[in-house]
Each structure stands twice: as C-alpha cells, then as structure tokens.
Amino acid sequence: MAVLEVKDLHVEVEDEEQQTRKEILKGVNLTMKTGEIHAHHGT
C-alpha cells in the first residue's frame, strides 16, 4: 500500500505590493493511504 506523508508543513505567502508576508499553514501533518481523498479549505 502506498502512503503519502507530510509532516510539519509551513507555507508563507508574500504580498509584493504591501511588502508583507503571512503564514497560511502552520505545522500541518497529513498521512494519506492509497484510495483516500482529502480536501482542505480555509478562509
């Protein structure tokens, strides 16, 4: 069985116009096995 595993994922985006950065993912962990479907949504 294949597995995709992500540990402690952090993602930051940059607003070049305002010259600011914002962390949008903070330490996300995810494990997916064959046949699983995951969706993530935020505001």
C-alpha atoms as a PDB file:
ATOM      1  CA  MET A   1       0.000   0.000   0.000  1.00  0.00           C
ATOM      2  CA  ALA A   2       1.432   3.402  -0.985  1.00  0.00           C
ATOM      3  CA  VAL A   3       1.462   6.236   1.541  1.00  0.00           C
ATOM      4  CA  LEU A   4       1.937   9.978   1.179  1.00  0.00           C
ATOM      5  CA  GLU A   5       3.045  11.602   4.416  1.00  0.00           C
ATOM      6  CA  VAL A   6       3.606  15.301   5.102  1.00  0.00           C
ATOM      7  CA  LYS A   7       4.949  16.423   8.485  1.00  0.00           C
ATOM      8  CA  ASP A   8       5.104  19.924   9.969  1.00  0.00           C
ATOM      9  CA  LEU A   9       4.277  21.775   6.721  1.00  0.00           C
ATOM     10  CA  HIS A  10       4.559  25.564   6.879  1.00  0.00           C
ATOM     11  CA  VAL A  11       3.574  27.829   3.963  1.00  0.00           C
ATOM     12  CA  GLU A  12       4.040  31.568   3.729  1.00  0.00           C
ATOM     13  CA  VAL A  13       2.722  33.960   1.067  1.00  0.00           C
ATOM     14  CA  GLU A  14       4.088  37.362   0.184  1.00  0.00           C
ATOM     15  CA  ASP A  15       2.158  40.484  -0.789  1.00  0.00           C
ATOM     16  CA  GLU A  16       4.691  42.238  -3.009  1.00  0.00           C
ATOM     17  CA  GLU A  17       2.622  45.417  -3.205  1.00  0.00           C
ATOM     18  CA  GLN A  18       2.457  45.892   0.569  1.00  0.00           C
ATOM     19  CA  GLN A  19       5.786  44.124   1.147  1.00  0.00           C
ATOM     20  CA  THR A  20       4.311  41.853   3.817  1.00  0.00           C
ATOM     21  CA  ARG A  21       4.390  38.100   4.424  1.00  0.00           C
ATOM     22  CA  LYS A  22       1.715  35.921   6.023  1.00  0.00           C
ATOM     23  CA  GLU A  23       1.968  32.326   7.225  1.00  0.00           C
ATOM     24  CA  ILE A  24      -1.089  30.466   5.898  1.00  0.00           C
ATOM     25  CA  LEU A  25      -0.244  26.917   7.019  1.00  0.00           C
ATOM     26  CA  LYS A  26       1.262  26.348  10.457  1.00  0.00           C
ATOM     27  CA  GLY A  27       2.638  22.881  11.167  1.00  0.00           C
ATOM     28  CA  VAL A  28       0.155  20.782   9.154  1.00  0.00           C
ATOM     29  CA  ASN A  29       0.557  16.994   9.311  1.00  0.00           C
ATOM     30  CA  LEU A  30      -1.153  14.702   6.789  1.00  0.00           C
ATOM     31  CA  THR A  31      -0.993  10.985   6.043  1.00  0.00           C
ATOM     32  CA  MET A  32      -2.860   9.579   3.035  1.00  0.00           C
ATOM     33  CA  LYS A  33      -3.128   5.951   2.025  1.00  0.00           C
ATOM     34  CA  THR A  34      -3.967   4.560  -1.391  1.00  0.00           C
ATOM     35  CA  GLY A  35      -7.586   5.323  -2.343  1.00  0.00           C
ATOM     36  CA  GLU A  36      -8.088   8.126   0.186  1.00  0.00           C
ATOM     37  CA  ILE A  37      -9.204  11.579  -0.908  1.00  0.00           C
ATOM     38  CA  HIS A  38      -8.597  14.703   1.199  1.00  0.00           C
ATOM     39  CA  ALA A  39      -9.587  18.309   0.679  1.00  0.00           C
ATOM     40  CA  HIS A  40      -8.568  21.279   2.809  1.00  0.00           C
ATOM     41  CA  HIS A  41     -10.303  24.613   2.770  1.00  0.00           C
ATOM     42  CA  GLY A  42      -9.733  27.761   4.766  1.00  0.00           C
ATOM     43  CA  THR A  43     -10.737  31.369   4.852  1.00  0.00           C
END
